[in-house]
Amino acid sequence: MEIRPVVLQGKQVRLEPLTLDHVNALCSVAFDEDLWRIGLTTLRTKEDVVRYVENALDLQQKGTALPFATLPLSTNKAVGSTRFGNIDIANRRVEIGWTWLGKQWQRTGLNTEAKFLMLRHAFEVWKCIRVEFKTDVLNEQSRRAIVRLGAKEEGILRKHAISSGGRIRDSVYYSILDDEWTDIKQHFTTHLLRT
């Protein structure tokens, strides 16, 4: 696994390495309280967005994350972010998450295609044997979306994390394994990525 910034592009979305140059565009979609109602992070100011990006870049520098800005090809402007995190080269394992999109871009297919591009990169380029996802047990929308991708629920970690607002979160873990990827890739191409 060679972990380095890369551009992943599909038919409607481009994931490009996240930089501080994306901050202003992200600010134009980030300050919707509904985006952060259940998450661990809350972005309310430009300074919050700068800290969010700087933290992601710090983890990238340490080799444990690879963050992206999410750009619709129709606008070429960042409307959210996602990343590979908890990268474990020795065990060929990675987590996909930290995903958020501005409200108008939700349910447009951008996130589905972004997840396909990331899964394909993880399994076909990095040769991962496992890709993980986790979300708040209360986030039903995210849970449905992860299952829709073909991931299997593995269990709940109780009192797993504390949100920026102080709420104690239970996290649900999911995974896709390398020997499941061929069927899941077929499911993406025949059902999820039809446009």
Protein backbone atom coordinates (compact mmCIF):
# COMPACT_ATOMS: atom_id res chain seq x y z
CA MET A 1 0.00 0.00 0.00
CA GLU A 2 1.55 3.24 -1.14
CA ILE A 3 -0.40 6.00 0.62
CA ARG A 4 -0.06 9.27 -1.26
CA PRO A 5 -2.45 11.98 -2.44
CA VAL A 6 -4.37 10.97 -5.54
CA VAL A 7 -7.29 12.26 -7.60
CA LEU A 8 -10.22 9.86 -7.99
CA GLN A 9 -12.67 10.83 -10.73
CA GLY A 10 -15.91 9.33 -11.93
CA LYS A 11 -18.70 10.46 -14.25
CA GLN A 12 -20.15 13.06 -11.88
CA VAL A 13 -17.68 13.52 -9.02
CA ARG A 14 -14.00 14.19 -8.49
CA LEU A 15 -12.27 13.53 -5.20
CA GLU A 16 -9.14 15.62 -5.01
CA PRO A 17 -6.62 15.92 -2.19
CA LEU A 18 -8.02 18.21 0.50
CA THR A 19 -6.06 21.45 1.00
CA LEU A 20 -6.57 24.78 2.73
CA ASP A 21 -7.45 26.15 -0.72
CA HIS A 22 -10.81 24.35 -0.35
CA VAL A 23 -11.78 26.19 2.84
CA ASN A 24 -13.82 29.02 1.26
CA ALA A 25 -15.82 26.67 -0.96
CA LEU A 26 -16.46 24.33 2.00
CA CYS A 27 -17.63 27.28 4.10
CA SER A 28 -20.33 27.97 1.53
CA VAL A 29 -21.99 24.60 2.34
CA ALA A 30 -20.75 23.68 5.83
CA PHE A 31 -22.76 25.90 8.14
CA ASP A 32 -26.04 23.97 8.07
CA GLU A 33 -26.69 22.75 11.62
CA ASP A 34 -28.49 19.64 10.31
CA LEU A 35 -25.14 18.40 8.92
CA TRP A 36 -23.65 18.25 12.41
CA ARG A 37 -26.68 17.31 14.52
CA ILE A 38 -25.46 13.75 15.12
CA GLY A 39 -21.76 13.86 14.21
CA LEU A 40 -18.70 14.16 16.39
CA THR A 41 -17.64 17.44 14.78
CA THR A 42 -19.45 20.74 14.42
CA LEU A 43 -18.43 23.32 11.82
CA ARG A 44 -19.95 26.72 12.57
CA THR A 45 -17.26 29.19 11.53
CA LYS A 46 -14.50 29.56 8.96
CA GLU A 47 -12.02 28.93 11.78
CA ASP A 48 -13.75 25.59 12.48
CA VAL A 49 -13.35 24.62 8.82
CA VAL A 50 -9.68 25.65 8.84
CA ARG A 51 -9.08 23.51 11.96
CA TYR A 52 -10.98 20.60 10.37
CA VAL A 53 -8.79 20.74 7.25
CA GLU A 54 -5.58 21.24 9.24
CA ASN A 55 -6.40 18.24 11.45
CA ALA A 56 -7.06 16.08 8.38
CA LEU A 57 -3.78 17.22 6.82
CA ASP A 58 -1.91 16.49 10.07
CA LEU A 59 -3.27 12.93 10.03
CA GLN A 60 -2.26 12.65 6.37
CA GLN A 61 1.27 13.77 7.26
CA LYS A 62 1.37 11.03 9.92
CA GLY A 63 0.32 8.46 7.30
CA THR A 64 -2.98 7.50 8.94
CA ALA A 65 -5.39 9.42 6.69
CA LEU A 66 -5.90 10.54 3.10
CA PRO A 67 -8.53 13.32 3.01
CA PHE A 68 -10.40 14.50 -0.08
CA ALA A 69 -12.52 17.44 -1.14
CA THR A 70 -15.66 16.31 -2.96
CA LEU A 71 -16.34 18.23 -6.17
CA PRO A 72 -19.25 17.72 -8.58
CA LEU A 73 -17.90 17.83 -12.11
CA SER A 74 -20.83 20.10 -12.98
CA THR A 75 -19.51 22.91 -10.75
CA ASN A 76 -15.86 22.03 -10.07
CA LYS A 77 -16.35 23.51 -6.58
CA ALA A 78 -15.87 21.66 -3.28
CA VAL A 79 -19.23 20.76 -1.70
CA GLY A 80 -18.02 18.41 1.02
CA SER A 81 -15.28 16.12 2.17
CA THR A 82 -14.51 12.45 2.76
CA ARG A 83 -11.39 10.48 3.62
CA PHE A 84 -9.56 7.26 4.08
CA GLY A 85 -8.65 7.06 7.76
CA ASN A 86 -7.23 4.70 10.34
CA ILE A 87 -4.93 3.41 7.60
CA ASP A 88 -3.24 0.18 8.71
CA ILE A 89 -0.68 -0.80 6.09
CA ALA A 90 0.58 -3.86 7.97
CA ASN A 91 -2.90 -5.38 8.05
CA ARG A 92 -4.01 -4.00 4.64
CA ARG A 93 -7.00 -2.33 6.25
CA VAL A 94 -8.51 1.15 5.87
CA GLU A 95 -11.61 2.99 7.00
CA ILE A 96 -13.75 5.18 4.74
CA GLY A 97 -15.59 7.95 6.50
CA TRP A 98 -15.56 11.51 7.85
CA THR A 99 -17.96 12.15 4.98
CA TRP A 100 -20.20 15.16 4.69
CA LEU A 101 -21.88 16.95 1.80
CA GLY A 102 -23.75 20.22 1.57
CA LYS A 103 -27.48 19.61 1.82
CA GLN A 104 -28.29 20.34 -1.84
CA TRP A 105 -25.78 17.65 -2.91
CA GLN A 106 -27.17 14.91 -0.72
CA ARG A 107 -29.13 12.15 -2.50
CA THR A 108 -27.72 13.22 -5.87
CA GLY A 109 -25.50 10.20 -6.43
CA LEU A 110 -22.27 12.08 -5.64
CA ASN A 111 -21.64 10.20 -2.40
CA THR A 112 -22.46 6.81 -3.95
CA GLU A 113 -20.00 7.36 -6.78
CA ALA A 114 -17.39 8.74 -4.36
CA LYS A 115 -17.66 5.60 -2.21
CA PHE A 116 -17.34 3.41 -5.31
CA LEU A 117 -14.17 5.25 -6.36
CA MET A 118 -12.71 4.91 -2.87
CA LEU A 119 -13.61 1.23 -2.54
CA ARG A 120 -12.16 0.49 -5.97
CA HIS A 121 -8.94 2.28 -5.02
CA ALA A 122 -8.71 0.45 -1.69
CA PHE A 123 -9.30 -3.02 -3.12
CA GLU A 124 -7.77 -2.74 -6.59
CA VAL A 125 -4.84 -0.35 -6.10
CA TRP A 126 -3.91 -0.78 -2.44
CA LYS A 127 -4.99 -4.45 -2.37
CA CYS A 128 -6.73 -4.01 0.97
CA ILE A 129 -8.29 -7.10 2.50
CA ARG A 130 -10.76 -5.07 4.58
CA VAL A 131 -12.49 -1.69 4.34
CA GLU A 132 -14.30 -0.42 7.41
CA PHE A 133 -17.08 2.09 7.99
CA LYS A 134 -18.50 3.40 11.25
CA THR A 135 -21.28 5.78 12.17
CA ASP A 136 -23.28 6.99 15.11
CA VAL A 137 -25.88 4.43 16.18
CA LEU A 138 -28.47 7.26 15.98
CA ASN A 139 -27.62 8.17 12.38
CA GLU A 140 -30.21 6.05 10.57
CA GLN A 141 -29.61 7.78 7.22
CA SER A 142 -25.91 6.95 7.31
CA ARG A 143 -26.55 3.41 8.49
CA ARG A 144 -28.94 2.75 5.58
CA ALA A 145 -26.47 4.26 3.12
CA ILE A 146 -23.60 2.07 4.36
CA VAL A 147 -25.71 -1.10 4.12
CA ARG A 148 -26.87 -0.03 0.65
CA LEU A 149 -23.19 -0.05 -0.42
CA GLY A 150 -23.00 -3.72 0.50
CA ALA A 151 -21.22 -3.43 3.85
CA LYS A 152 -22.03 -5.88 6.63
CA GLU A 153 -22.87 -4.66 10.11
CA GLU A 154 -20.42 -6.06 12.65
CA GLY A 155 -21.62 -4.61 15.92
CA ILE A 156 -21.92 -1.63 18.21
CA LEU A 157 -19.12 -0.17 20.27
CA ARG A 158 -20.82 1.32 23.31
CA LYS A 159 -19.67 4.71 24.63
CA HIS A 160 -17.16 4.77 21.80
CA ALA A 161 -16.65 8.52 21.34
CA ILE A 162 -17.56 11.91 22.75
CA SER A 163 -18.90 14.56 20.36
CA SER A 164 -17.61 18.14 20.32
CA GLY A 165 -20.83 19.04 22.16
CA GLY A 166 -20.17 16.46 24.88
CA ARG A 167 -22.70 13.79 23.85
CA ILE A 168 -21.42 10.24 24.37
CA ARG A 169 -21.81 8.25 21.17
CA ASP A 170 -22.25 4.57 20.48
CA SER A 171 -20.70 3.66 17.10
CA VAL A 172 -21.86 0.99 14.67
CA TYR A 173 -19.11 -0.77 12.69
CA TYR A 174 -19.45 -2.19 9.18
CA SER A 175 -17.02 -3.79 6.76
CA ILE A 176 -16.50 -4.99 3.21
CA LEU A 177 -13.91 -7.71 2.63
CA ASP A 178 -11.74 -8.25 -0.42
CA ASP A 179 -13.49 -11.49 -1.36
CA GLU A 180 -16.83 -9.60 -1.37
CA TRP A 181 -15.60 -6.79 -3.62
CA THR A 182 -16.30 -8.44 -7.00
CA ASP A 183 -20.00 -8.90 -6.21
CA ILE A 184 -20.29 -5.47 -4.59
CA LYS A 185 -18.58 -3.83 -7.57
CA GLN A 186 -21.11 -5.53 -9.85
CA HIS A 187 -23.94 -4.25 -7.63
CA PHE A 188 -22.57 -0.70 -7.95
CA THR A 189 -22.33 -0.86 -11.73
CA THR A 190 -25.74 -2.47 -12.32
CA HIS A 191 -27.84 -0.79 -9.61
CA LEU A 192 -26.20 2.05 -7.72
CA LEU A 193 -24.34 3.99 -10.43
CA ARG A 194 -27.03 4.05 -13.10
CA THR A 195 -27.61 7.62 -14.29
